[in-house]
């Protein structure tokens, strides 16, 4: 999938409606409210697992129930900060909270946090995890589309696409 097609419309990313969910003040870092319906969570997993060059496993950096998304070795051209562990670039927590931890280039993080879709992980800025954020679980189909695009952005970062390429691709109509 081409970057432009995958990230079409990033400059039009809407703000997230309503207040941010409360989050834990210690590890494990999770959202504590505004949980998604099971069908939305299931669809997010389905969309994520259908991304090109992706495989899933249990995350070594989160609870046993988390689904880690890793990029295949042949496609892992991103910088060290594009990965959480090995070639894992994202993991999705199970219900009820279903929050998503993923990596994004700094310029993308600034926009996503400012628009209310994510917050920096407490380990953000520590070593290679300086690009780690918690994306809030989607509460409806509209939010599902945005969160799926953020996961795709993380995947592209893991392939070696630069922040400039990701942001520029999002502005292509």
C-alpha atoms as a PDB file:
ATOM      1  CA  UNK A   1       0.000   0.000   0.000  1.00  0.00           C
ATOM      2  CA  UNK A   2       1.401   3.383  -0.929  1.00  0.00           C
ATOM      3  CA  UNK A   3       1.969   5.918   1.815  1.00  0.00           C
ATOM      4  CA  UNK A   4      -0.270   8.494   0.117  1.00  0.00           C
ATOM      5  CA  UNK A   5      -3.156   6.057  -0.097  1.00  0.00           C
ATOM      6  CA  UNK A   6      -2.686   4.783   3.446  1.00  0.00           C
ATOM      7  CA  UNK A   7      -2.460   8.217   5.031  1.00  0.00           C
ATOM      8  CA  UNK A   8      -4.751  10.270   2.817  1.00  0.00           C
ATOM      9  CA  UNK A   9      -6.168  13.253   4.654  1.00  0.00           C
ATOM     10  CA  UNK A  10      -3.843  13.483   7.691  1.00  0.00           C
ATOM     11  CA  UNK A  11      -4.002  17.286   7.549  1.00  0.00           C
ATOM     12  CA  UNK A  12      -7.775  16.909   7.940  1.00  0.00           C
ATOM     13  CA  UNK A  13      -7.556  14.725  11.044  1.00  0.00           C
ATOM     14  CA  UNK A  14     -10.461  15.854  13.215  1.00  0.00           C
ATOM     15  CA  UNK A  15     -10.234  16.613  16.881  1.00  0.00           C
ATOM     16  CA  UNK A  16     -11.538  13.898  19.195  1.00  0.00           C
ATOM     17  CA  UNK A  17     -14.946  14.794  20.623  1.00  0.00           C
ATOM     18  CA  UNK A  18     -15.291  15.318  24.369  1.00  0.00           C
ATOM     19  CA  UNK A  19     -12.826  15.216  27.225  1.00  0.00           C
ATOM     20  CA  UNK A  20      -9.883  12.865  27.285  1.00  0.00           C
ATOM     21  CA  UNK A  21     -10.422   9.702  29.292  1.00  0.00           C
ATOM     22  CA  UNK A  22      -8.722   9.530  32.668  1.00  0.00           C
ATOM     23  CA  UNK A  23      -5.565   7.421  32.575  1.00  0.00           C
ATOM     24  CA  UNK A  24      -3.638   5.502  35.199  1.00  0.00           C
ATOM     25  CA  UNK A  25      -0.918   7.404  36.997  1.00  0.00           C
ATOM     26  CA  UNK A  26       1.404   4.396  37.167  1.00  0.00           C
ATOM     27  CA  UNK A  27       2.293   1.355  35.114  1.00  0.00           C
ATOM     28  CA  UNK A  28       0.558  -0.434  33.540  1.00  0.00           C
ATOM     29  CA  UNK A  29      -0.491   2.710  31.708  1.00  0.00           C
ATOM     30  CA  UNK A  30      -4.093   2.469  30.532  1.00  0.00           C
ATOM     31  CA  UNK A  31      -7.186   4.542  30.046  1.00  0.00           C
ATOM     32  CA  UNK A  32      -9.654   4.188  32.913  1.00  0.00           C
ATOM     33  CA  UNK A  33     -12.933   5.186  31.249  1.00  0.00           C
ATOM     34  CA  UNK A  34     -14.648   5.753  27.904  1.00  0.00           C
ATOM     35  CA  UNK A  35     -14.250   2.111  26.935  1.00  0.00           C
ATOM     36  CA  UNK A  36     -15.174   0.885  23.448  1.00  0.00           C
ATOM     37  CA  UNK A  37     -17.966  -1.524  22.578  1.00  0.00           C
ATOM     38  CA  UNK A  38     -16.767  -5.092  21.897  1.00  0.00           C
ATOM     39  CA  UNK A  39     -17.733  -4.921  18.208  1.00  0.00           C
ATOM     40  CA  UNK A  40     -15.601  -1.800  17.657  1.00  0.00           C
ATOM     41  CA  UNK A  41     -12.651  -3.439  19.422  1.00  0.00           C
ATOM     42  CA  UNK A  42     -13.076  -6.545  17.267  1.00  0.00           C
ATOM     43  CA  UNK A  43     -13.147  -4.477  14.087  1.00  0.00           C
ATOM     44  CA  UNK A  44     -10.000  -2.588  15.142  1.00  0.00           C
ATOM     45  CA  UNK A  45      -8.158  -5.873  15.630  1.00  0.00           C
ATOM     46  CA  UNK A  46      -9.407  -7.136  12.276  1.00  0.00           C
ATOM     47  CA  UNK A  47      -8.290  -3.991  10.439  1.00  0.00           C
ATOM     48  CA  UNK A  48      -4.915  -4.030  12.196  1.00  0.00           C
ATOM     49  CA  UNK A  49      -4.214  -7.670  11.432  1.00  0.00           C
ATOM     50  CA  UNK A  50      -4.976  -7.089   7.753  1.00  0.00           C
ATOM     51  CA  UNK A  51      -2.232  -4.477   7.332  1.00  0.00           C
ATOM     52  CA  UNK A  52       0.549  -5.551   4.945  1.00  0.00           C
ATOM     53  CA  UNK A  53       3.657  -7.243   6.354  1.00  0.00           C
ATOM     54  CA  UNK A  54       2.164  -7.537   9.851  1.00  0.00           C
ATOM     55  CA  UNK A  55       2.196 -10.447  12.224  1.00  0.00           C
ATOM     56  CA  UNK A  56       0.867 -10.638  15.743  1.00  0.00           C
ATOM     57  CA  UNK A  57       2.099 -12.168  18.953  1.00  0.00           C
ATOM     58  CA  UNK A  58       1.838 -11.680  22.669  1.00  0.00           C
ATOM     59  CA  UNK A  59       3.555  -8.464  23.681  1.00  0.00           C
ATOM     60  CA  UNK A  60       6.597  -8.832  25.918  1.00  0.00           C
ATOM     61  CA  UNK A  61       6.112  -5.238  27.073  1.00  0.00           C
ATOM     62  CA  UNK A  62       2.491  -5.498  28.240  1.00  0.00           C
ATOM     63  CA  UNK A  63       0.025  -7.932  29.764  1.00  0.00           C
ATOM     64  CA  UNK A  64      -0.372 -11.426  28.339  1.00  0.00           C
ATOM     65  CA  UNK A  65      -3.699 -10.491  26.778  1.00  0.00           C
ATOM     66  CA  UNK A  66      -2.245  -7.657  24.666  1.00  0.00           C
ATOM     67  CA  UNK A  67      -1.923  -8.218  20.933  1.00  0.00           C
ATOM     68  CA  UNK A  68       1.407  -6.952  19.653  1.00  0.00           C
ATOM     69  CA  UNK A  69       1.665  -5.863  16.039  1.00  0.00           C
ATOM     70  CA  UNK A  70       5.095  -6.433  14.556  1.00  0.00           C
ATOM     71  CA  UNK A  71       6.397  -5.716  11.104  1.00  0.00           C
ATOM     72  CA  UNK A  72       8.187  -8.420   9.160  1.00  0.00           C
ATOM     73  CA  UNK A  73      11.973  -8.313   9.345  1.00  0.00           C
ATOM     74  CA  UNK A  74      12.308  -7.550   5.632  1.00  0.00           C
ATOM     75  CA  UNK A  75      10.164  -4.398   5.976  1.00  0.00           C
ATOM     76  CA  UNK A  76      11.521  -3.096   9.321  1.00  0.00           C
ATOM     77  CA  UNK A  77      13.490  -0.120   8.019  1.00  0.00           C
ATOM     78  CA  UNK A  78      12.482   2.366  10.672  1.00  0.00           C
ATOM     79  CA  UNK A  79      14.762   3.935  13.275  1.00  0.00           C
ATOM     80  CA  UNK A  80      15.137   2.258  16.684  1.00  0.00           C
ATOM     81  CA  UNK A  81      12.541   4.631  18.171  1.00  0.00           C
ATOM     82  CA  UNK A  82       9.916   3.254  15.750  1.00  0.00           C
ATOM     83  CA  UNK A  83       9.816   0.032  17.785  1.00  0.00           C
ATOM     84  CA  UNK A  84       8.625  -0.886  21.259  1.00  0.00           C
ATOM     85  CA  UNK A  85      10.365  -4.274  21.430  1.00  0.00           C
ATOM     86  CA  UNK A  86      12.020  -6.128  18.581  1.00  0.00           C
ATOM     87  CA  UNK A  87       9.927  -5.163  15.561  1.00  0.00           C
ATOM     88  CA  UNK A  88       6.801  -4.520  17.639  1.00  0.00           C
ATOM     89  CA  UNK A  89       5.513  -1.029  16.813  1.00  0.00           C
ATOM     90  CA  UNK A  90       2.090  -1.257  18.458  1.00  0.00           C
ATOM     91  CA  UNK A  91       0.131  -3.273  20.971  1.00  0.00           C
ATOM     92  CA  UNK A  92      -3.569  -3.267  21.605  1.00  0.00           C
ATOM     93  CA  UNK A  93      -4.855  -3.859  25.102  1.00  0.00           C
ATOM     94  CA  UNK A  94      -7.849  -6.137  25.626  1.00  0.00           C
ATOM     95  CA  UNK A  95     -11.275  -5.060  26.737  1.00  0.00           C
ATOM     96  CA  UNK A  96     -12.457  -3.342  28.799  1.00  0.00           C
ATOM     97  CA  UNK A  97     -10.018  -0.453  28.203  1.00  0.00           C
ATOM     98  CA  UNK A  98      -8.673  -1.532  24.772  1.00  0.00           C
ATOM     99  CA  UNK A  99      -6.230   1.375  24.580  1.00  0.00           C
ATOM    100  CA  UNK A 100      -3.437   1.252  22.042  1.00  0.00           C
ATOM    101  CA  UNK A 101       0.254   1.882  22.665  1.00  0.00           C
ATOM    102  CA  UNK A 102       2.201   2.736  19.535  1.00  0.00           C
ATOM    103  CA  UNK A 103       5.100   4.744  18.184  1.00  0.00           C
ATOM    104  CA  UNK A 104       4.858   7.782  15.917  1.00  0.00           C
ATOM    105  CA  UNK A 105       7.331  10.355  14.595  1.00  0.00           C
ATOM    106  CA  UNK A 106       7.577  13.447  16.808  1.00  0.00           C
ATOM    107  CA  UNK A 107       5.783  15.809  14.400  1.00  0.00           C
ATOM    108  CA  UNK A 108       2.878  13.392  14.170  1.00  0.00           C
ATOM    109  CA  UNK A 109       2.782  12.958  17.969  1.00  0.00           C
ATOM    110  CA  UNK A 110       2.408  16.697  18.461  1.00  0.00           C
ATOM    111  CA  UNK A 111      -0.617  16.855  16.174  1.00  0.00           C
ATOM    112  CA  UNK A 112      -2.288  13.694  17.513  1.00  0.00           C
ATOM    113  CA  UNK A 113      -1.878  14.775  21.147  1.00  0.00           C
ATOM    114  CA  UNK A 114      -3.073  18.320  20.407  1.00  0.00           C
ATOM    115  CA  UNK A 115      -6.205  16.952  18.716  1.00  0.00           C
ATOM    116  CA  UNK A 116      -7.039  14.804  21.755  1.00  0.00           C
ATOM    117  CA  UNK A 117      -6.458  11.326  20.258  1.00  0.00           C
ATOM    118  CA  UNK A 118      -3.509  10.343  22.439  1.00  0.00           C
ATOM    119  CA  UNK A 119      -1.222  11.213  25.286  1.00  0.00           C
ATOM    120  CA  UNK A 120       2.444  10.568  25.821  1.00  0.00           C
ATOM    121  CA  UNK A 121       3.264   7.341  27.601  1.00  0.00           C
ATOM    122  CA  UNK A 122       4.995   7.839  30.985  1.00  0.00           C
ATOM    123  CA  UNK A 123       8.165   6.301  29.509  1.00  0.00           C
ATOM    124  CA  UNK A 124       7.983   8.737  26.552  1.00  0.00           C
ATOM    125  CA  UNK A 125      11.387  10.319  26.179  1.00  0.00           C
ATOM    126  CA  UNK A 126      13.272   7.429  27.775  1.00  0.00           C
ATOM    127  CA  UNK A 127      15.782   5.949  25.342  1.00  0.00           C
ATOM    128  CA  UNK A 128      14.265   4.566  22.163  1.00  0.00           C
ATOM    129  CA  UNK A 129      10.768   4.921  23.649  1.00  0.00           C
ATOM    130  CA  UNK A 130      10.749   8.678  23.043  1.00  0.00           C
ATOM    131  CA  UNK A 131       8.045   8.183  20.431  1.00  0.00           C
ATOM    132  CA  UNK A 132       5.645   6.046  22.491  1.00  0.00           C
ATOM    133  CA  UNK A 133       2.073   7.240  23.014  1.00  0.00           C
ATOM    134  CA  UNK A 134      -1.193   5.831  24.263  1.00  0.00           C
ATOM    135  CA  UNK A 135      -3.970   6.241  21.712  1.00  0.00           C
ATOM    136  CA  UNK A 136      -7.434   6.170  23.230  1.00  0.00           C
ATOM    137  CA  UNK A 137      -9.688   3.280  22.258  1.00  0.00           C
ATOM    138  CA  UNK A 138     -12.240   4.157  19.575  1.00  0.00           C
ATOM    139  CA  UNK A 139     -15.772   4.547  20.942  1.00  0.00           C
ATOM    140  CA  UNK A 140     -17.611   4.459  17.613  1.00  0.00           C
ATOM    141  CA  UNK A 141     -17.147   3.812  13.895  1.00  0.00           C
ATOM    142  CA  UNK A 142     -15.927   7.358  13.194  1.00  0.00           C
ATOM    143  CA  UNK A 143     -13.234   7.097  15.838  1.00  0.00           C
ATOM    144  CA  UNK A 144     -12.370   3.602  14.609  1.00  0.00           C
ATOM    145  CA  UNK A 145     -11.403   5.058  11.230  1.00  0.00           C
ATOM    146  CA  UNK A 146      -9.076   7.625  12.835  1.00  0.00           C
ATOM    147  CA  UNK A 147      -7.447   5.132  15.212  1.00  0.00           C
ATOM    148  CA  UNK A 148      -6.918   2.655  12.359  1.00  0.00           C
ATOM    149  CA  UNK A 149      -5.121   5.439  10.434  1.00  0.00           C
ATOM    150  CA  UNK A 150      -2.920   6.111  13.455  1.00  0.00           C
ATOM    151  CA  UNK A 151      -1.970   2.432  13.638  1.00  0.00           C
ATOM    152  CA  UNK A 152      -1.181   2.532   9.915  1.00  0.00           C
ATOM    153  CA  UNK A 153       0.950   5.647  10.515  1.00  0.00           C
ATOM    154  CA  UNK A 154       2.864   3.726  13.171  1.00  0.00           C
ATOM    155  CA  UNK A 155       3.363   0.841  10.742  1.00  0.00           C
ATOM    156  CA  UNK A 156       4.731   3.245   8.128  1.00  0.00           C
ATOM    157  CA  UNK A 157       7.102   4.743  10.719  1.00  0.00           C
ATOM    158  CA  UNK A 158       8.331   1.190  11.393  1.00  0.00           C
ATOM    159  CA  UNK A 159       9.029   0.722   7.673  1.00  0.00           C
ATOM    160  CA  UNK A 160      11.243   3.798   7.611  1.00  0.00           C
ATOM    161  CA  UNK A 161       8.852   6.427   6.294  1.00  0.00           C
ATOM    162  CA  UNK A 162       9.918   9.791   7.725  1.00  0.00           C
ATOM    163  CA  UNK A 163       7.628  12.113   9.642  1.00  0.00           C
ATOM    164  CA  UNK A 164       7.733  14.470   6.687  1.00  0.00           C
ATOM    165  CA  UNK A 165       6.687  11.706   4.310  1.00  0.00           C
ATOM    166  CA  UNK A 166       3.893  10.627   6.653  1.00  0.00           C
ATOM    167  CA  UNK A 167       2.604  14.173   7.128  1.00  0.00           C
ATOM    168  CA  UNK A 168       2.953  15.016   3.419  1.00  0.00           C
ATOM    169  CA  UNK A 169       1.172  11.823   2.433  1.00  0.00           C
ATOM    170  CA  UNK A 170      -1.718  12.717   4.699  1.00  0.00           C
ATOM    171  CA  UNK A 171      -2.210  15.994   2.806  1.00  0.00           C
ATOM    172  CA  UNK A 172      -2.543  14.347  -0.608  1.00  0.00           C
ATOM    173  CA  UNK A 173      -6.147  14.429  -1.777  1.00  0.00           C
END
